[in-house]
N, C-alpha and C. Protein backbone atom coordinates (compact mmCIF):
# COMPACT_ATOMS: atom_id res chain seq x y z
N UNK A 1 76.53 20.54 31.60
CA UNK A 1 75.97 20.74 30.29
C UNK A 1 76.45 22.10 29.79
N UNK A 2 77.03 22.11 28.60
CA UNK A 2 77.54 23.37 28.11
C UNK A 2 76.43 24.22 27.47
N UNK A 3 76.74 25.46 27.26
CA UNK A 3 75.78 26.45 26.76
C UNK A 3 75.23 26.05 25.39
N UNK A 4 76.08 25.57 24.53
CA UNK A 4 75.68 25.20 23.17
C UNK A 4 74.65 24.06 23.20
N UNK A 5 74.88 23.07 24.05
CA UNK A 5 73.98 21.94 24.17
C UNK A 5 72.62 22.40 24.70
N UNK A 6 72.62 23.31 25.69
CA UNK A 6 71.36 23.85 26.23
C UNK A 6 70.58 24.58 25.13
N UNK A 7 71.25 25.34 24.31
CA UNK A 7 70.60 26.09 23.23
C UNK A 7 69.99 25.12 22.20
N UNK A 8 70.66 24.04 21.93
CA UNK A 8 70.13 23.05 20.99
C UNK A 8 68.86 22.42 21.56
N UNK A 9 68.87 22.11 22.87
CA UNK A 9 67.70 21.52 23.51
C UNK A 9 66.53 22.51 23.47
N UNK A 10 66.79 23.77 23.80
CA UNK A 10 65.73 24.80 23.77
C UNK A 10 65.20 24.95 22.35
N UNK A 11 66.11 24.99 21.38
CA UNK A 11 65.71 25.14 19.98
C UNK A 11 64.84 23.96 19.54
N UNK A 12 65.25 22.76 19.85
CA UNK A 12 64.49 21.55 19.46
C UNK A 12 63.13 21.51 20.17
N UNK A 13 63.10 21.92 21.44
CA UNK A 13 61.84 21.97 22.17
C UNK A 13 60.90 22.98 21.53
N UNK A 14 61.44 24.12 21.14
CA UNK A 14 60.63 25.14 20.45
C UNK A 14 60.05 24.63 19.14
N UNK A 15 60.86 23.92 18.38
CA UNK A 15 60.39 23.35 17.11
C UNK A 15 59.31 22.31 17.37
N UNK A 16 59.51 21.48 18.37
CA UNK A 16 58.51 20.46 18.70
C UNK A 16 57.19 21.10 19.14
N UNK A 17 57.25 22.12 19.98
CA UNK A 17 56.03 22.82 20.40
C UNK A 17 55.35 23.50 19.21
N UNK A 18 56.15 24.09 18.37
CA UNK A 18 55.59 24.72 17.16
C UNK A 18 54.87 23.72 16.28
N UNK A 19 55.46 22.55 16.11
CA UNK A 19 54.84 21.51 15.29
C UNK A 19 53.53 21.03 15.91
N UNK A 20 53.52 20.90 17.23
CA UNK A 20 52.29 20.48 17.91
C UNK A 20 51.21 21.53 17.74
N UNK A 21 51.57 22.80 17.97
CA UNK A 21 50.58 23.87 17.80
C UNK A 21 50.07 23.94 16.36
N UNK A 22 50.98 23.82 15.40
CA UNK A 22 50.58 23.85 14.00
C UNK A 22 49.61 22.72 13.69
N UNK A 23 49.85 21.57 14.27
CA UNK A 23 48.99 20.42 14.01
C UNK A 23 47.60 20.61 14.61
N UNK A 24 47.50 21.30 15.75
CA UNK A 24 46.21 21.43 16.42
C UNK A 24 45.48 22.74 16.13
N UNK A 25 46.13 23.73 15.54
CA UNK A 25 45.45 24.99 15.21
C UNK A 25 44.27 24.75 14.27
N UNK A 26 44.38 23.96 13.19
CA UNK A 26 43.20 23.73 12.35
C UNK A 26 42.05 23.11 13.14
N UNK A 27 42.35 22.25 14.10
CA UNK A 27 41.29 21.67 14.93
C UNK A 27 40.60 22.75 15.74
N UNK A 28 41.39 23.71 16.24
CA UNK A 28 40.81 24.82 16.99
C UNK A 28 39.83 25.59 16.11
N UNK A 29 40.21 25.89 14.89
CA UNK A 29 39.35 26.67 14.01
C UNK A 29 38.16 25.89 13.49
N UNK A 30 38.25 24.57 13.43
CA UNK A 30 37.09 23.81 12.96
C UNK A 30 36.19 23.40 14.11
N UNK A 31 36.61 23.64 15.34
CA UNK A 31 35.76 23.37 16.49
C UNK A 31 34.83 24.56 16.63
N UNK A 32 33.62 24.38 16.20
CA UNK A 32 32.68 25.49 16.15
C UNK A 32 31.46 25.19 17.00
N UNK A 33 30.81 26.25 17.39
CA UNK A 33 29.58 26.15 18.14
C UNK A 33 28.46 26.58 17.22
N UNK A 34 27.57 25.69 16.90
CA UNK A 34 26.46 26.04 16.01
C UNK A 34 25.19 26.35 16.79
N UNK A 35 25.32 26.55 18.10
CA UNK A 35 24.18 27.00 18.89
C UNK A 35 23.77 28.39 18.40
N UNK A 36 22.48 28.73 18.51
CA UNK A 36 22.04 30.05 18.03
C UNK A 36 22.69 31.19 18.82
N UNK A 37 22.88 32.30 18.14
CA UNK A 37 23.38 33.52 18.77
C UNK A 37 22.31 34.07 19.71
N UNK A 38 22.69 34.95 20.63
CA UNK A 38 21.70 35.53 21.54
C UNK A 38 20.64 36.33 20.79
N UNK A 39 19.40 36.24 21.24
CA UNK A 39 18.27 36.99 20.66
C UNK A 39 18.07 36.71 19.17
N UNK A 40 18.35 35.51 18.73
CA UNK A 40 18.21 35.16 17.31
C UNK A 40 16.75 35.21 16.90
N UNK A 41 16.48 35.92 15.81
CA UNK A 41 15.15 35.99 15.21
C UNK A 41 15.30 35.64 13.74
N UNK A 42 14.52 34.67 13.29
CA UNK A 42 14.49 34.35 11.87
C UNK A 42 13.47 35.29 11.23
N UNK A 43 13.97 36.25 10.49
CA UNK A 43 13.13 37.31 9.93
C UNK A 43 12.50 36.86 8.62
N UNK A 44 13.26 36.14 7.81
CA UNK A 44 12.76 35.63 6.53
C UNK A 44 13.56 34.38 6.21
N UNK A 45 13.32 33.82 5.05
CA UNK A 45 14.06 32.61 4.69
C UNK A 45 15.54 32.88 4.48
N UNK A 46 15.91 34.12 4.23
CA UNK A 46 17.32 34.42 3.98
C UNK A 46 17.98 35.32 5.01
N UNK A 47 17.20 35.96 5.89
CA UNK A 47 17.78 36.91 6.84
C UNK A 47 17.40 36.53 8.27
N UNK A 48 18.43 36.43 9.12
CA UNK A 48 18.26 36.27 10.55
C UNK A 48 18.93 37.45 11.22
N UNK A 49 18.40 37.85 12.39
CA UNK A 49 19.04 38.89 13.18
C UNK A 49 19.38 38.32 14.55
N UNK A 50 20.41 38.92 15.18
CA UNK A 50 20.85 38.39 16.47
C UNK A 50 21.69 39.41 17.20
N UNK A 51 21.95 39.09 18.47
CA UNK A 51 22.94 39.81 19.25
C UNK A 51 24.33 39.27 18.91
N UNK A 52 25.33 39.78 19.59
CA UNK A 52 26.72 39.42 19.32
C UNK A 52 26.97 37.92 19.50
N UNK A 53 27.34 37.22 18.42
CA UNK A 53 27.72 35.81 18.56
C UNK A 53 29.08 35.70 19.26
N UNK A 54 29.30 34.57 19.93
CA UNK A 54 30.60 34.29 20.54
C UNK A 54 31.60 33.94 19.44
N UNK A 55 32.87 33.84 19.80
CA UNK A 55 33.89 33.43 18.82
C UNK A 55 33.55 32.07 18.23
N UNK A 56 33.15 31.13 19.09
CA UNK A 56 32.83 29.78 18.62
C UNK A 56 31.62 29.80 17.69
N UNK A 57 30.63 30.65 17.99
CA UNK A 57 29.47 30.75 17.13
C UNK A 57 29.83 31.38 15.78
N UNK A 58 30.72 32.37 15.80
CA UNK A 58 31.18 32.98 14.55
C UNK A 58 31.85 31.94 13.66
N UNK A 59 32.69 31.11 14.27
CA UNK A 59 33.39 30.07 13.52
C UNK A 59 32.39 29.05 12.96
N UNK A 60 31.28 28.82 13.66
CA UNK A 60 30.28 27.84 13.24
C UNK A 60 29.23 28.35 12.28
N UNK A 61 29.29 29.63 11.90
CA UNK A 61 28.24 30.18 11.03
C UNK A 61 28.19 29.53 9.65
N UNK A 62 29.32 29.16 9.11
CA UNK A 62 29.35 28.49 7.80
C UNK A 62 28.63 27.14 7.89
N UNK A 63 28.92 26.39 8.96
CA UNK A 63 28.26 25.10 9.16
C UNK A 63 26.77 25.28 9.38
N UNK A 64 26.36 26.43 9.92
CA UNK A 64 24.95 26.71 10.15
C UNK A 64 24.26 27.21 8.88
N UNK A 65 25.01 27.34 7.78
CA UNK A 65 24.41 27.69 6.50
C UNK A 65 24.46 29.15 6.10
N UNK A 66 25.18 29.97 6.84
CA UNK A 66 25.26 31.39 6.49
C UNK A 66 26.32 31.64 5.43
N UNK A 67 26.04 32.62 4.56
CA UNK A 67 26.97 33.02 3.52
C UNK A 67 27.56 34.40 3.78
N UNK A 68 26.91 35.15 4.67
CA UNK A 68 27.33 36.54 4.91
C UNK A 68 26.94 36.97 6.32
N UNK A 69 27.79 37.83 6.91
CA UNK A 69 27.51 38.43 8.21
C UNK A 69 27.62 39.94 8.04
N UNK A 70 26.58 40.64 8.53
CA UNK A 70 26.61 42.10 8.58
C UNK A 70 26.53 42.49 10.05
N UNK A 71 27.56 43.15 10.53
CA UNK A 71 27.63 43.59 11.92
C UNK A 71 27.34 45.09 11.93
N UNK A 72 26.28 45.49 12.64
CA UNK A 72 25.89 46.90 12.70
C UNK A 72 26.44 47.62 13.94
N UNK A 73 27.18 46.93 14.78
CA UNK A 73 27.77 47.57 15.97
C UNK A 73 29.15 48.11 15.63
N UNK A 74 29.52 49.23 16.23
CA UNK A 74 30.89 49.72 16.05
C UNK A 74 31.89 48.70 16.60
N UNK A 75 33.09 48.63 16.03
CA UNK A 75 34.06 47.63 16.46
C UNK A 75 34.50 47.77 17.92
N UNK A 76 34.31 48.96 18.50
CA UNK A 76 34.72 49.15 19.89
C UNK A 76 33.53 49.04 20.86
N UNK A 77 32.40 48.53 20.38
CA UNK A 77 31.22 48.37 21.24
C UNK A 77 31.49 47.34 22.33
N UNK A 78 30.86 47.56 23.48
CA UNK A 78 30.99 46.65 24.60
C UNK A 78 30.62 45.23 24.17
N UNK A 79 31.49 44.27 24.42
CA UNK A 79 31.23 42.88 24.08
C UNK A 79 31.60 42.49 22.66
N UNK A 80 32.12 43.43 21.89
CA UNK A 80 32.50 43.07 20.52
C UNK A 80 33.74 42.17 20.53
N UNK A 81 33.92 41.48 19.45
CA UNK A 81 35.06 40.56 19.31
C UNK A 81 36.04 41.19 18.33
N UNK A 82 37.22 41.50 18.83
CA UNK A 82 38.21 42.26 18.07
C UNK A 82 38.54 41.63 16.72
N UNK A 83 38.62 40.31 16.66
CA UNK A 83 39.01 39.64 15.42
C UNK A 83 37.81 39.02 14.70
N UNK A 84 36.62 39.58 14.92
CA UNK A 84 35.41 39.02 14.31
C UNK A 84 35.50 38.91 12.79
N UNK A 85 35.93 39.98 12.15
CA UNK A 85 36.02 39.96 10.69
C UNK A 85 36.91 38.86 10.16
N UNK A 86 38.06 38.66 10.80
CA UNK A 86 38.97 37.61 10.33
C UNK A 86 38.43 36.22 10.65
N UNK A 87 37.77 36.04 11.80
CA UNK A 87 37.18 34.73 12.12
C UNK A 87 36.12 34.34 11.08
N UNK A 88 35.29 35.31 10.74
CA UNK A 88 34.20 35.04 9.79
C UNK A 88 34.75 34.81 8.39
N UNK A 89 35.62 35.68 7.91
CA UNK A 89 36.14 35.51 6.56
C UNK A 89 37.01 34.27 6.43
N UNK A 90 37.74 33.93 7.50
CA UNK A 90 38.57 32.73 7.47
C UNK A 90 37.70 31.49 7.25
N UNK A 91 36.48 31.52 7.77
CA UNK A 91 35.61 30.35 7.61
C UNK A 91 34.89 30.34 6.27
N UNK A 92 35.15 31.34 5.42
CA UNK A 92 34.59 31.34 4.07
C UNK A 92 33.30 32.13 3.92
N UNK A 93 33.04 33.04 4.85
CA UNK A 93 31.82 33.84 4.82
C UNK A 93 32.21 35.29 4.57
N UNK A 94 31.39 36.00 3.80
CA UNK A 94 31.61 37.43 3.58
C UNK A 94 31.24 38.19 4.85
N UNK A 95 32.08 39.14 5.23
CA UNK A 95 31.85 39.92 6.45
C UNK A 95 31.87 41.40 6.13
N UNK A 96 30.86 42.12 6.64
CA UNK A 96 30.80 43.57 6.48
C UNK A 96 30.43 44.19 7.82
N UNK A 97 31.13 45.24 8.19
CA UNK A 97 30.80 45.99 9.40
C UNK A 97 30.32 47.38 8.99
N UNK A 98 29.09 47.71 9.37
CA UNK A 98 28.54 49.05 9.20
C UNK A 98 28.33 49.59 10.60
N UNK A 99 29.27 50.38 11.12
CA UNK A 99 29.19 50.82 12.51
C UNK A 99 28.13 51.90 12.72
N UNK A 100 26.93 51.50 13.11
CA UNK A 100 25.82 52.42 13.32
C UNK A 100 25.94 53.04 14.72
N UNK A 101 25.97 54.35 14.77
CA UNK A 101 26.04 55.08 16.03
C UNK A 101 24.71 54.91 16.78
N UNK A 102 24.77 54.34 17.98
CA UNK A 102 23.56 54.08 18.76
C UNK A 102 22.75 55.34 19.00
N UNK A 103 23.42 56.43 19.32
CA UNK A 103 22.73 57.67 19.66
C UNK A 103 22.28 58.46 18.43
N UNK A 104 22.79 58.12 17.28
CA UNK A 104 22.47 58.90 16.09
C UNK A 104 22.44 58.01 14.85
N UNK A 105 21.43 57.13 14.73
CA UNK A 105 21.36 56.29 13.53
C UNK A 105 21.24 57.18 12.30
N UNK A 106 21.96 56.81 11.26
CA UNK A 106 22.09 57.66 10.08
C UNK A 106 21.43 57.01 8.87
N UNK A 107 20.71 57.81 8.11
CA UNK A 107 20.03 57.32 6.91
C UNK A 107 21.03 56.75 5.90
N UNK A 108 22.24 57.32 5.85
CA UNK A 108 23.26 56.79 4.93
C UNK A 108 23.66 55.36 5.31
N UNK A 109 23.71 55.08 6.61
CA UNK A 109 23.99 53.72 7.07
C UNK A 109 22.88 52.77 6.61
N UNK A 110 21.64 53.24 6.71
CA UNK A 110 20.51 52.42 6.25
C UNK A 110 20.59 52.18 4.74
N UNK A 111 20.94 53.21 3.98
CA UNK A 111 21.06 53.03 2.52
C UNK A 111 22.17 52.05 2.16
N UNK A 112 23.30 52.14 2.84
CA UNK A 112 24.39 51.19 2.61
C UNK A 112 23.93 49.77 2.95
N UNK A 113 23.28 49.62 4.09
CA UNK A 113 22.74 48.33 4.51
C UNK A 113 21.78 47.78 3.46
N UNK A 114 20.87 48.62 2.99
CA UNK A 114 19.88 48.20 1.99
C UNK A 114 20.53 47.80 0.68
N UNK A 115 21.49 48.61 0.22
CA UNK A 115 22.20 48.29 -1.03
C UNK A 115 22.91 46.95 -0.91
N UNK A 116 23.51 46.71 0.23
CA UNK A 116 24.21 45.45 0.47
C UNK A 116 23.25 44.27 0.41
N UNK A 117 22.10 44.40 1.06
CA UNK A 117 21.12 43.31 1.02
C UNK A 117 20.55 43.13 -0.38
N UNK A 118 20.37 44.22 -1.11
CA UNK A 118 19.84 44.12 -2.48
C UNK A 118 20.77 43.35 -3.41
N UNK A 119 22.07 43.58 -3.28
CA UNK A 119 23.00 42.91 -4.21
C UNK A 119 23.36 41.49 -3.78
N UNK A 120 22.90 41.10 -2.60
CA UNK A 120 23.18 39.75 -2.10
C UNK A 120 21.88 38.99 -1.90
N UNK A 121 20.96 39.16 -2.82
CA UNK A 121 19.58 38.66 -2.64
C UNK A 121 19.44 37.16 -2.47
N UNK A 122 20.41 36.38 -2.85
CA UNK A 122 20.29 34.92 -2.73
C UNK A 122 21.15 34.32 -1.62
N UNK A 123 21.74 35.16 -0.81
CA UNK A 123 22.60 34.68 0.27
C UNK A 123 21.83 34.56 1.58
N UNK A 124 22.25 33.60 2.42
CA UNK A 124 21.69 33.47 3.77
C UNK A 124 22.53 34.37 4.67
N UNK A 125 21.90 35.37 5.27
CA UNK A 125 22.62 36.44 5.96
C UNK A 125 22.25 36.51 7.43
N UNK A 126 23.28 36.70 8.26
CA UNK A 126 23.08 37.01 9.67
C UNK A 126 23.41 38.48 9.85
N UNK A 127 22.42 39.25 10.30
CA UNK A 127 22.62 40.66 10.65
C UNK A 127 22.66 40.71 12.17
N UNK A 128 23.74 41.26 12.72
CA UNK A 128 23.82 41.32 14.18
C UNK A 128 24.38 42.64 14.65
N UNK A 129 24.20 42.87 15.93
CA UNK A 129 24.81 43.99 16.63
C UNK A 129 25.09 43.48 18.04
N UNK A 130 25.05 44.33 19.04
CA UNK A 130 25.35 43.87 20.39
C UNK A 130 24.26 42.96 20.95
N UNK A 131 23.00 43.43 20.90
CA UNK A 131 21.91 42.65 21.49
C UNK A 131 20.72 42.47 20.55
N UNK A 132 20.86 42.85 19.30
CA UNK A 132 19.84 42.73 18.25
C UNK A 132 18.84 43.88 18.28
N UNK A 133 19.28 45.04 18.63
CA UNK A 133 18.42 46.22 18.54
C UNK A 133 18.62 46.92 17.20
N UNK A 134 19.85 47.34 16.93
CA UNK A 134 20.13 47.96 15.62
C UNK A 134 19.74 46.99 14.50
N UNK A 135 20.17 45.74 14.67
CA UNK A 135 19.93 44.74 13.61
C UNK A 135 18.45 44.52 13.36
N UNK A 136 17.66 44.39 14.43
CA UNK A 136 16.23 44.13 14.23
C UNK A 136 15.53 45.32 13.58
N UNK A 137 15.89 46.54 13.97
CA UNK A 137 15.21 47.71 13.39
C UNK A 137 15.64 47.96 11.95
N UNK A 138 16.94 47.87 11.66
CA UNK A 138 17.39 48.06 10.28
C UNK A 138 16.76 46.99 9.37
N UNK A 139 16.71 45.76 9.84
CA UNK A 139 16.15 44.69 9.02
C UNK A 139 14.65 44.88 8.84
N UNK A 140 13.95 45.31 9.88
CA UNK A 140 12.53 45.65 9.76
C UNK A 140 12.33 46.69 8.67
N UNK A 141 13.12 47.76 8.72
CA UNK A 141 12.98 48.83 7.71
C UNK A 141 13.27 48.30 6.31
N UNK A 142 14.32 47.51 6.19
CA UNK A 142 14.64 46.94 4.87
C UNK A 142 13.50 46.08 4.34
N UNK A 143 13.00 45.20 5.17
CA UNK A 143 11.93 44.29 4.73
C UNK A 143 10.69 45.06 4.30
N UNK A 144 10.34 46.10 5.03
CA UNK A 144 9.13 46.87 4.71
C UNK A 144 9.36 47.75 3.47
N UNK A 145 10.48 48.45 3.43
CA UNK A 145 10.75 49.39 2.34
C UNK A 145 11.08 48.68 1.03
N UNK A 146 11.94 47.68 1.09
CA UNK A 146 12.46 47.08 -0.15
C UNK A 146 11.79 45.76 -0.53
N UNK A 147 11.29 45.04 0.43
CA UNK A 147 10.64 43.76 0.12
C UNK A 147 9.13 43.84 0.28
N UNK A 148 8.64 45.03 0.64
CA UNK A 148 7.20 45.30 0.76
C UNK A 148 6.50 44.33 1.70
N UNK A 149 7.20 43.95 2.77
CA UNK A 149 6.62 43.09 3.79
C UNK A 149 5.61 43.89 4.61
N UNK A 150 4.71 43.19 5.26
CA UNK A 150 3.68 43.83 6.08
C UNK A 150 4.32 44.55 7.27
N UNK A 151 4.00 45.83 7.42
CA UNK A 151 4.60 46.67 8.47
C UNK A 151 4.35 46.09 9.86
N UNK A 152 3.10 45.76 10.15
CA UNK A 152 2.77 45.29 11.50
C UNK A 152 3.42 43.95 11.82
N UNK A 153 3.41 43.03 10.86
CA UNK A 153 4.04 41.72 11.08
C UNK A 153 5.54 41.86 11.33
N UNK A 154 6.18 42.70 10.55
CA UNK A 154 7.62 42.88 10.69
C UNK A 154 7.97 43.61 11.98
N UNK A 155 7.15 44.58 12.36
CA UNK A 155 7.42 45.32 13.60
C UNK A 155 7.25 44.43 14.83
N UNK A 156 6.36 43.47 14.76
CA UNK A 156 6.22 42.52 15.87
C UNK A 156 7.52 41.78 16.14
N UNK A 157 8.29 41.50 15.09
CA UNK A 157 9.58 40.83 15.27
C UNK A 157 10.56 41.73 16.02
N UNK A 158 10.49 43.04 15.77
CA UNK A 158 11.33 43.99 16.50
C UNK A 158 10.96 43.96 17.98
N UNK A 159 9.66 43.97 18.26
CA UNK A 159 9.21 44.04 19.66
C UNK A 159 9.47 42.75 20.43
N UNK A 160 9.83 41.69 19.75
CA UNK A 160 10.27 40.48 20.46
C UNK A 160 11.58 40.75 21.21
N UNK A 161 12.34 41.72 20.72
CA UNK A 161 13.65 42.05 21.28
C UNK A 161 13.58 43.29 22.17
N UNK A 162 12.89 44.34 21.70
CA UNK A 162 12.90 45.60 22.43
C UNK A 162 11.77 46.51 22.01
N UNK A 163 11.56 47.54 22.80
CA UNK A 163 10.66 48.64 22.45
C UNK A 163 11.56 49.81 22.10
N UNK A 164 11.65 50.13 20.81
CA UNK A 164 12.60 51.17 20.40
C UNK A 164 12.42 52.49 21.14
N UNK A 165 13.55 53.08 21.46
CA UNK A 165 13.60 54.37 22.14
C UNK A 165 13.15 55.47 21.19
N UNK A 166 12.77 56.64 21.71
CA UNK A 166 12.22 57.70 20.87
C UNK A 166 13.08 58.08 19.66
N UNK A 167 14.40 58.18 19.83
CA UNK A 167 15.23 58.58 18.68
C UNK A 167 15.27 57.48 17.61
N UNK A 168 15.11 56.23 18.01
CA UNK A 168 15.05 55.15 17.03
C UNK A 168 13.69 55.13 16.32
N UNK A 169 12.62 55.43 17.06
CA UNK A 169 11.30 55.52 16.42
C UNK A 169 11.26 56.69 15.44
N UNK A 170 11.89 57.80 15.81
CA UNK A 170 11.96 58.95 14.89
C UNK A 170 12.73 58.56 13.63
N UNK A 171 13.84 57.86 13.81
CA UNK A 171 14.61 57.39 12.67
C UNK A 171 13.76 56.49 11.77
N UNK A 172 13.05 55.53 12.37
CA UNK A 172 12.19 54.62 11.60
C UNK A 172 11.10 55.40 10.88
N UNK A 173 10.49 56.34 11.57
CA UNK A 173 9.44 57.15 10.94
C UNK A 173 9.98 57.96 9.76
N UNK A 174 11.19 58.51 9.90
CA UNK A 174 11.80 59.26 8.80
C UNK A 174 12.05 58.38 7.58
N UNK A 175 12.57 57.18 7.82
CA UNK A 175 12.82 56.25 6.70
C UNK A 175 11.50 55.88 6.04
N UNK A 176 10.50 55.56 6.84
CA UNK A 176 9.20 55.16 6.29
C UNK A 176 8.56 56.30 5.52
N UNK A 177 8.58 57.50 6.08
CA UNK A 177 7.94 58.62 5.38
C UNK A 177 8.68 58.97 4.09
N UNK A 178 10.00 58.78 4.07
CA UNK A 178 10.76 58.99 2.82
C UNK A 178 10.28 58.05 1.71
N UNK A 179 9.68 56.93 2.10
CA UNK A 179 9.20 55.94 1.13
C UNK A 179 7.67 55.87 1.09
N UNK A 180 7.04 56.92 1.61
CA UNK A 180 5.57 57.03 1.62
C UNK A 180 4.90 55.81 2.25
N UNK A 181 5.45 55.35 3.36
CA UNK A 181 4.87 54.23 4.09
C UNK A 181 4.41 54.73 5.45
N UNK A 182 3.16 54.45 5.79
CA UNK A 182 2.64 54.86 7.10
C UNK A 182 3.12 53.86 8.15
N UNK A 183 3.54 54.43 9.27
CA UNK A 183 4.08 53.60 10.34
C UNK A 183 3.56 54.10 11.67
N UNK A 184 2.77 53.29 12.32
CA UNK A 184 2.26 53.56 13.66
C UNK A 184 2.75 52.42 14.55
N UNK A 185 3.80 52.65 15.36
CA UNK A 185 4.31 51.58 16.20
C UNK A 185 3.22 51.01 17.12
N UNK A 186 3.28 49.71 17.35
CA UNK A 186 2.30 49.05 18.21
C UNK A 186 2.34 49.58 19.63
């Protein structure tokens, strides 16, 4: 077999494999997992919080009825999915990452989060982070400050996931006192 013939066979094989992959890639992207994300809490009719969804769960969020995803974990957080933003947006959902520093939650991050929720008032939103700690506390603060939800009822949803550490309680107290809301953690 001469060199030219071998190259033609390799070239044709490459084209055939490419065609097969092209044909099955859409199936890969439409194969979604609509199982709930870890630590999923339904906070209200429009907002759910959760830990990091898997790639398959991210792909299935549109089928599960979500219109938007807000990720509060930094992109380099343990267990994060490098292509999360593209997976979510490819499926037709708005994606926003607000990388909240675990050791130093910032009031500006909370204001950005709140503004985002305010302008998307009719969307079904999944707020997530690594294990639903940042997400549950930010959403608790938003619901109490901006939607005037009951402090104790909303804080109970946080405690389903965790007991906030002192620096997170201080952060929550600062946000609440800025809005003249009394907050005594359970």
